[in-house]
Protein backbone atom coordinates (compact mmCIF):
# COMPACT_ATOMS: atom_id res chain seq x y z
CA MET A 1 -10.02 3.58 20.34
CA THR A 2 -9.47 6.48 18.01
CA GLY A 3 -8.12 6.29 14.49
CA ARG A 4 -4.86 7.94 15.56
CA GLU A 5 -2.93 4.86 16.57
CA THR A 6 0.23 3.87 14.72
CA PRO A 7 -0.12 1.47 11.75
CA ALA A 8 1.71 -1.30 13.61
CA SER A 9 -0.53 -1.05 16.66
CA GLY A 10 -3.56 -0.98 14.39
CA ARG A 11 -2.53 -4.27 12.79
CA GLU A 12 -2.01 -5.86 16.19
CA LEU A 13 -5.41 -4.71 17.44
CA LYS A 14 -7.13 -6.04 14.31
CA PHE A 15 -5.36 -9.38 14.79
CA ARG A 16 -6.57 -9.60 18.38
CA ALA A 17 -10.11 -8.71 17.34
CA LEU A 18 -10.01 -11.49 14.73
CA MET A 19 -8.69 -13.97 17.31
CA ALA A 20 -11.48 -13.03 19.73
CA GLU A 21 -14.15 -13.42 17.03
CA LEU A 22 -12.84 -16.80 15.90
CA ARG A 23 -12.56 -18.03 19.49
CA ARG A 24 -16.14 -16.96 20.24
CA GLY A 25 -17.43 -18.64 17.09
CA ILE A 26 -15.77 -21.93 17.99
CA LEU A 27 -16.78 -21.94 21.66
CA ASP A 28 -20.38 -20.87 21.07
CA GLY A 29 -20.95 -23.46 18.33
CA THR A 30 -21.00 -21.19 15.29
CA TRP A 31 -18.39 -23.63 14.00
CA PRO A 32 -19.29 -26.96 15.65
CA PRO A 33 -16.52 -29.52 16.26
CA GLY A 34 -15.40 -30.99 12.98
CA SER A 35 -16.79 -28.18 10.83
CA LYS A 36 -14.55 -26.53 8.27
CA LEU A 37 -13.51 -22.91 8.81
CA PRO A 38 -13.04 -20.48 5.89
CA THR A 39 -9.80 -20.69 3.97
CA GLU A 40 -7.11 -18.17 4.85
CA ARG A 41 -7.67 -16.31 1.59
CA ALA A 42 -11.47 -16.28 1.95
CA LEU A 43 -11.28 -15.00 5.52
CA ALA A 44 -8.72 -12.37 4.53
CA THR A 45 -11.06 -11.14 1.80
CA GLU A 46 -14.03 -11.13 4.18
CA THR A 47 -12.25 -9.22 6.97
CA GLY A 48 -9.96 -7.00 4.91
CA LEU A 49 -6.92 -8.36 6.77
CA SER A 50 -3.83 -9.83 5.18
CA VAL A 51 -3.44 -13.56 4.59
CA THR A 52 -0.43 -13.44 6.91
CA THR A 53 -2.57 -12.06 9.75
CA VAL A 54 -5.24 -14.72 9.21
CA ARG A 55 -2.60 -17.47 9.10
CA ARG A 56 -1.15 -16.21 12.40
CA ALA A 57 -4.62 -16.31 13.99
CA TYR A 58 -5.20 -19.89 12.85
CA GLU A 59 -1.77 -20.94 14.12
CA ASP A 60 -2.52 -19.47 17.55
CA LEU A 61 -5.89 -21.28 17.62
CA VAL A 62 -4.08 -24.53 16.80
CA ALA A 63 -1.75 -23.89 19.75
CA LEU A 64 -4.80 -23.41 21.99
CA GLY A 65 -6.29 -26.69 20.78
CA LEU A 66 -9.36 -25.00 19.30
CA VAL A 67 -8.70 -25.85 15.63
CA GLU A 68 -6.72 -28.40 13.68
CA ARG A 69 -5.06 -28.14 10.28
CA ARG A 70 -5.47 -31.03 7.81
CA GLN A 71 -2.98 -30.95 4.98
CA GLY A 72 -4.75 -30.59 1.68
CA ALA A 73 -8.18 -30.35 3.34
CA GLY A 74 -8.20 -27.10 5.33
CA THR A 75 -8.77 -25.84 8.87
CA PHE A 76 -11.39 -27.46 11.12
CA ALA A 77 -12.88 -26.77 14.55
CA ALA A 78 -11.33 -29.30 16.92
CA HIS A 79 -13.42 -32.06 18.45
CA ARG A 80 -13.98 -31.50 22.17
CA PRO A 81 -15.61 -34.00 24.52
CA GLU A 82 -19.18 -33.18 25.48
CA ARG A 83 -20.18 -31.73 28.81
CA GLY A 84 -21.47 -35.01 30.14
CA ASP A 85 -18.13 -36.83 29.81
CA THR A 86 -17.35 -38.62 33.07
CA GLY A 87 -15.02 -36.70 35.34
CA ARG A 88 -14.52 -33.80 32.93
CA ARG A 89 -14.65 -30.41 34.65
CA ILE A 90 -16.46 -27.54 32.98
CA VAL A 91 -15.24 -24.07 33.90
CA GLY A 92 -17.15 -20.91 33.06
CA VAL A 93 -15.08 -17.81 32.35
CA LEU A 94 -16.56 -14.31 32.33
CA VAL A 95 -14.48 -11.39 31.05
CA PRO A 96 -15.57 -7.83 30.25
CA ASP A 97 -13.75 -7.71 26.92
CA THR A 98 -12.01 -10.12 24.56
CA THR A 99 -10.07 -7.55 22.54
CA PHE A 100 -7.95 -5.62 25.05
CA TYR A 101 -5.99 -6.85 28.06
CA TYR A 102 -7.85 -10.15 28.50
CA PRO A 103 -6.73 -12.20 25.46
CA ARG A 104 -3.45 -13.09 27.20
CA VAL A 105 -5.30 -13.84 30.45
CA LEU A 106 -7.61 -16.15 28.50
CA GLN A 107 -4.66 -17.88 26.88
CA GLY A 108 -3.25 -18.66 30.32
CA ILE A 109 -6.61 -19.98 31.52
CA GLU A 110 -7.09 -22.09 28.38
CA ARG A 111 -3.60 -23.54 28.67
CA GLU A 112 -4.10 -24.64 32.27
CA LEU A 113 -7.59 -26.02 31.76
CA ALA A 114 -6.52 -27.96 28.68
CA ALA A 115 -3.60 -29.48 30.59
CA ALA A 116 -6.04 -30.59 33.30
CA GLY A 117 -8.52 -32.02 30.79
CA ALA A 118 -11.12 -29.41 31.71
CA ARG A 119 -13.46 -27.66 29.31
CA LEU A 120 -13.88 -23.88 29.09
CA VAL A 121 -17.14 -22.03 28.40
CA LEU A 122 -16.58 -18.34 27.69
CA ALA A 123 -18.89 -15.35 28.20
CA CYS A 124 -18.35 -11.60 27.81
CA SER A 125 -20.14 -8.82 29.72
CA HIS A 126 -18.94 -5.85 27.62
CA TYR A 127 -18.72 -3.90 30.92
CA ASP A 128 -22.54 -3.98 31.17
CA PRO A 129 -23.77 -5.00 34.68
CA ASP A 130 -27.06 -6.37 33.31
CA GLU A 131 -25.26 -8.42 30.69
CA GLU A 132 -22.86 -9.58 33.40
CA ASP A 133 -25.75 -11.07 35.40
CA ALA A 134 -27.26 -12.65 32.29
CA ALA A 135 -23.89 -14.12 31.29
CA VAL A 136 -23.39 -15.70 34.72
CA GLU A 137 -26.86 -17.26 34.44
CA ARG A 138 -26.00 -18.65 31.00
CA LEU A 139 -22.80 -20.16 32.34
CA LEU A 140 -24.62 -21.79 35.25
CA SER A 141 -27.25 -23.12 32.85
CA ALA A 142 -24.45 -24.67 30.79
CA GLY A 143 -23.63 -26.85 33.79
CA VAL A 144 -20.30 -25.34 34.81
CA HIS A 145 -18.60 -26.75 37.91
CA GLY A 146 -16.81 -23.50 38.77
CA LEU A 147 -16.38 -19.92 37.62
CA LEU A 148 -13.50 -17.55 36.85
CA LEU A 149 -15.02 -14.08 36.97
CA VAL A 150 -13.96 -10.53 36.15
CA PRO A 151 -16.95 -8.69 37.65
CA SER A 152 -17.64 -4.95 37.56
CA LEU A 153 -16.94 -4.35 41.25
CA HIS A 154 -15.46 -0.91 40.57
CA THR A 155 -18.76 0.41 39.18
CA ALA A 156 -21.06 -1.31 41.68
CA THR A 157 -22.97 0.91 44.11
CA ASP A 158 -22.05 -1.52 46.88
CA PRO A 159 -19.02 -3.62 45.88
CA GLY A 160 -19.20 -5.67 49.08
CA ARG A 161 -22.79 -6.62 48.41
CA ARG A 162 -21.95 -7.55 44.83
CA ALA A 163 -19.10 -9.76 46.04
CA GLU A 164 -21.47 -11.48 48.48
CA GLU A 165 -23.85 -12.22 45.60
CA LEU A 166 -21.03 -13.85 43.65
CA LEU A 167 -19.90 -15.87 46.66
CA ALA A 168 -23.48 -17.13 47.05
CA LEU A 169 -23.54 -18.70 43.57
CA PRO A 170 -24.09 -22.47 43.58
CA VAL A 171 -20.56 -23.20 42.31
CA PRO A 172 -17.13 -21.96 43.50
CA ALA A 173 -15.93 -18.67 41.99
CA VAL A 174 -12.44 -17.19 41.77
CA LEU A 175 -12.19 -13.50 40.92
CA VAL A 176 -9.62 -12.44 38.33
CA GLU A 177 -8.13 -8.91 38.46
CA ARG A 178 -10.79 -7.92 40.98
CA ARG A 179 -10.80 -7.78 44.78
CA LEU A 180 -12.30 -5.72 47.60
CA ALA A 181 -9.18 -3.68 48.27
CA ALA A 182 -11.02 -1.19 50.50
CA HIS A 183 -12.15 -4.03 52.78
CA GLY A 184 -8.58 -5.01 53.70
CA PRO A 185 -8.60 -8.25 55.70
CA GLY A 186 -12.41 -8.19 55.53
CA ASP A 187 -12.28 -9.20 51.85
CA PRO A 188 -13.80 -12.73 51.75
CA THR A 189 -13.19 -13.39 48.05
CA GLU A 190 -10.81 -15.85 46.50
CA HIS A 191 -8.90 -13.88 43.89
CA VAL A 192 -5.82 -13.52 41.72
CA CYS A 193 -4.88 -9.95 40.81
CA THR A 194 -2.04 -7.87 39.48
CA ASP A 195 -0.31 -5.75 42.12
CA HIS A 196 -0.95 -2.50 40.26
CA GLU A 197 0.11 -0.48 43.29
CA GLY A 198 3.48 -2.21 43.20
CA GLY A 199 3.74 -1.69 39.45
CA ALA A 200 3.31 2.07 39.79
CA TYR A 201 5.74 2.11 42.70
CA ASP A 202 8.41 0.36 40.63
CA ALA A 203 7.94 2.83 37.76
CA VAL A 204 8.58 5.79 40.07
CA ARG A 205 11.55 4.01 41.65
CA HIS A 206 13.08 3.51 38.21
CA LEU A 207 12.59 7.14 37.21
CA ARG A 208 14.03 8.32 40.53
CA ALA A 209 17.09 6.12 39.96
CA LEU A 210 17.57 7.90 36.64
CA GLY A 211 17.76 11.21 38.51
CA HIS A 212 14.25 12.59 38.05
CA GLU A 213 12.90 14.59 40.98
CA ARG A 214 9.72 16.02 39.47
CA ILE A 215 7.53 13.17 38.23
CA GLY A 216 3.98 13.56 36.94
CA LEU A 217 1.10 11.13 36.55
CA VAL A 218 -1.29 10.83 33.60
CA VAL A 219 -4.28 8.50 34.07
CA ARG A 220 -7.68 7.68 32.71
CA THR A 221 -10.13 7.68 35.57
CA ASP A 222 -12.80 5.22 34.42
CA ALA A 223 -10.89 2.01 35.11
CA PRO A 224 -10.52 -0.23 38.17
CA THR A 225 -6.74 -0.02 37.80
CA THR A 226 -6.61 3.75 38.39
CA ALA A 227 -6.99 3.76 42.19
CA PRO A 228 -4.12 1.34 42.96
CA ILE A 229 -1.87 3.06 40.42
CA GLU A 230 -2.49 6.41 42.09
CA SER A 231 -1.93 4.87 45.51
CA GLY A 232 1.35 3.22 44.51
CA PHE A 233 2.51 6.40 42.80
CA ALA A 234 1.79 8.53 45.89
CA ARG A 235 3.49 6.02 48.20
CA ALA A 236 6.61 6.01 46.03
CA LEU A 237 6.81 9.81 46.06
CA GLY A 238 6.82 9.76 49.85
CA ASP A 239 9.28 6.89 50.19
CA PHE A 240 11.77 8.43 47.76
CA GLY A 241 11.50 11.97 49.13
CA LEU A 242 9.95 13.45 46.02
CA PRO A 243 7.54 16.43 45.95
CA GLU A 244 4.18 15.37 47.34
CA ALA A 245 1.96 17.31 44.94
CA PRO A 246 3.13 16.78 41.35
CA PRO A 247 0.70 17.38 38.48
CA TYR A 248 -1.97 14.72 38.15
CA GLU A 249 -3.54 14.82 34.69
CA ARG A 250 -6.76 12.82 35.09
CA ASP A 251 -9.65 12.27 32.69
CA VAL A 252 -11.99 9.58 31.40
CA MET A 253 -10.71 7.49 28.53
CA ALA A 254 -13.10 8.98 25.95
CA ARG A 255 -11.71 12.47 26.55
CA TRP A 256 -8.10 11.51 26.03
CA ASP A 257 -7.49 12.75 22.49
CA PRO A 258 -4.65 14.78 20.94
CA ASP A 259 -6.06 18.09 22.20
CA ARG A 260 -6.37 16.75 25.75
CA ALA A 261 -2.83 15.36 25.51
CA ASP A 262 -1.53 18.76 24.37
CA ARG A 263 -3.07 20.39 27.44
CA ALA A 264 -1.71 17.71 29.73
CA LEU A 265 1.79 18.08 28.33
CA ALA A 266 1.66 21.86 28.73
CA ALA A 267 0.64 21.44 32.40
CA LEU A 268 3.42 18.94 33.03
CA ARG A 269 6.09 21.14 31.46
CA ALA A 270 4.83 24.28 33.21
CA ALA A 271 5.26 22.45 36.53
CA GLY A 272 8.84 21.48 35.71
CA VAL A 273 8.06 17.79 35.29
CA THR A 274 10.90 15.84 33.66
CA ALA A 275 9.28 12.37 33.72
CA ALA A 276 5.77 10.93 33.80
CA LEU A 277 3.98 7.65 34.34
CA CYS A 278 1.04 7.24 31.94
CA PHE A 279 -1.88 4.84 32.31
CA GLY A 280 -2.23 3.26 29.78
CA ASP A 281 -0.37 2.70 26.51
CA ARG A 282 -2.87 4.75 24.50
CA GLU A 283 -2.54 7.76 26.80
CA ALA A 284 1.24 7.44 26.77
CA ALA A 285 1.22 7.37 22.95
CA LEU A 286 -0.94 10.51 22.96
CA ILE A 287 1.51 12.30 25.28
CA LEU A 288 4.32 11.14 22.99
CA GLY A 289 2.53 12.75 20.03
CA ALA A 290 1.93 15.92 22.01
CA ALA A 291 5.64 16.12 22.82
CA ARG A 292 6.51 15.82 19.15
CA ARG A 293 4.08 18.61 18.24
CA ALA A 294 5.52 20.82 21.00
CA GLY A 295 9.10 20.22 19.93
CA ALA A 296 9.92 18.37 23.16
CA ARG A 297 12.27 15.41 22.94
CA VAL A 298 11.51 12.05 24.56
CA PRO A 299 13.34 11.06 26.71
CA ASP A 300 15.70 14.07 26.83
CA ASP A 301 13.07 16.66 27.76
CA LEU A 302 10.45 14.27 29.13
CA ALA A 303 10.97 10.64 30.11
CA LEU A 304 7.88 8.43 29.81
CA ILE A 305 6.79 5.12 31.30
CA SER A 306 3.55 3.55 30.10
CA TYR A 307 1.34 1.23 32.13
CA ASP A 308 0.00 -1.89 30.40
CA ASN A 309 2.46 -2.94 27.67
CA GLU A 310 -0.23 -3.93 25.17
CA PHE A 311 1.38 -2.07 22.25
CA ALA A 312 4.04 0.06 23.97
CA ASP A 313 6.81 -1.54 21.92
CA VAL A 314 5.43 -0.24 18.60
CA ALA A 315 5.09 3.41 19.63
CA GLU A 316 7.03 6.01 17.65
CA THR A 317 9.55 6.01 20.48
CA PRO A 318 9.31 2.52 22.05
CA LEU A 319 7.81 3.00 25.49
CA THR A 320 9.24 1.67 28.71
CA ALA A 321 6.23 -0.06 30.27
CA VAL A 322 4.90 -1.65 33.40
CA SER A 323 3.81 -5.07 32.15
CA PRO A 324 1.13 -6.96 34.14
CA PRO A 325 1.71 -10.75 34.11
CA LYS A 326 -1.51 -11.49 32.24
CA TYR A 327 -0.72 -15.00 30.98
CA ALA A 328 0.66 -16.15 34.34
CA LEU A 329 -2.32 -14.61 36.09
CA GLY A 330 -4.75 -16.62 33.95
CA ARG A 331 -2.89 -19.86 34.56
CA LEU A 332 -2.73 -19.32 38.32
CA ALA A 333 -6.42 -18.42 38.56
CA ALA A 334 -7.31 -21.64 36.74
CA GLN A 335 -5.00 -23.66 39.01
CA ILE A 336 -6.63 -22.21 42.13
CA LEU A 337 -10.16 -22.93 40.88
CA LEU A 338 -9.23 -26.49 39.92
CA ARG A 339 -7.77 -27.02 43.39
CA ARG A 340 -10.95 -25.64 44.95
CA LEU A 341 -13.03 -28.04 42.84
CA ALA A 342 -10.84 -30.99 43.82
CA GLU A 343 -10.48 -30.26 47.54
CA GLY A 344 -13.59 -28.23 48.38
CA GLU A 345 -13.49 -26.45 51.74
CA ALA A 346 -10.24 -28.25 52.61
CA ALA A 347 -8.37 -26.03 50.13
CA PRO A 348 -6.91 -22.84 51.63
CA LEU A 349 -8.40 -19.50 50.60
CA HIS A 350 -6.10 -17.94 48.01
CA GLN A 351 -5.79 -14.16 47.81
CA VAL A 352 -2.87 -13.61 45.46
CA GLN A 353 -1.22 -10.58 43.88
CA LEU A 354 1.38 -10.88 41.11
CA ARG A 355 3.91 -8.06 40.76
CA PRO A 356 4.26 -6.64 37.21
CA ARG A 357 7.58 -6.40 35.37
CA LEU A 358 9.12 -3.16 34.25
CA VAL A 359 10.17 -3.55 30.61
CA VAL A 360 12.79 -0.91 29.82
CA ARG A 361 12.80 0.62 26.34
CA ALA A 362 13.88 3.94 24.82
CA SER A 363 11.31 6.33 26.27
CA CYS A 364 12.75 6.52 29.79
CA GLY A 365 16.33 7.29 28.75
CA GLY A 366 18.18 4.64 30.69
CA GLY A 367 18.48 0.99 31.61
CA ARG A 368 18.57 -0.55 35.05
CA GLY A 369 20.74 1.44 37.40
CA GLY A 370 21.55 4.06 34.78
CA GLY A 371 21.87 7.73 35.67
CA ARG A 372 19.89 10.65 34.33
CA GLY A 373 20.57 11.08 30.64
CA GLY A 374 21.94 7.54 30.26
CA VAL A 375 21.45 5.67 27.03
CA GLY A 376 18.53 3.25 27.05
CA GLY A 377 17.94 0.43 24.60
CA ALA A 378 14.98 0.61 22.24
CA GLY A 379 14.34 -3.10 22.19
CA ALA A 380 11.92 -5.16 24.23
CA ALA A 381 14.46 -6.41 26.74
CA GLY A 382 13.34 -5.65 30.26
CA HIS A 383 14.15 -6.45 33.83
CA ASP A 384 11.88 -7.91 36.45
CA THR A 385 11.37 -5.48 39.32
CA GLY A 386 9.04 -7.78 41.19
CA GLY A 387 7.20 -10.85 40.03
CA ALA A 388 6.58 -11.99 43.60
CA GLN A 389 3.31 -13.47 44.72
CA LYS A 390 1.53 -12.33 47.86
CA SER A 391 -0.72 -15.14 49.06
CA LYS A 392 -3.05 -15.12 52.01
CA GLU A 393 -4.10 -18.63 52.95
């Protein structure tokens, strides 16, 4: 991230970073069960965050069952049964990051495992393939019964071979937000993913319903989500009779800065674009800033839809956003793995996609069914354009 985000989004990101750090410390034994955590004021002083932010983090950890508050005594790491407890399942979870996107997925996983009396062991790969392998080995050494994995298939030289390696692990594995899309029915993995193609399709459908005929796409290219977003976008253009070759402004995440956003906006406007889908929230916020600098009005001169909905609601003009069902996705992945552990080969193979919601805010210029130039609300109220599950059993 750059230092150009809005103050509100900066606070939210710092809160999530604090949550991730506290969660790691509790799960890896930095704070063993029963040990006392720092006071809210002490932790606020140490991190530079407000007492209110620290209190919110502790309250969320209480809700997850990771800490407990004792009136007059303080905050303590919760007692959790040991690995050897009879009948208690241990589930290893590997994510590439615990700050962006995956905190809500983890909350869904934690909720479902806790309800089933299962224990979670967390590892993070930091998008490093070598660390990914080492993390899987650590999880197996911890005695896990099954794995929920977010592997780096999109950067693998041979994704199919990498998937085969994961399927050959000595415990069942369910992939989360990863599948072998290019393999079609040849994909042998059990997985739960967001239907990013459908999410992009719904964004274009909404903009077309508002009267836009020239719609552009802004994406960062170094993400596994990019390919299905581009595919869904292109399919929607064809289905809705829109021009087949609108401007695609594509670049790696590190190069998306205000200057790059200014150039992208200039290209969009020169091509007569009146609306754009931006992946993700950060890139959409940069385009929003570029529009302000250029004297263009959002949504009057350029309607915007963001893809991700991590901090779209706190942008200068609240951004309509495609919102992946991260919490539900985590819960469902955990349910599927627990079923696999209970039933073994008798359980059907689950290959599930969850359709994102389109949350309508001010940046697109209209609510559901509104015409071009209609008045859109600036709040977080949205409508569900999908939400269906596709399951292959």
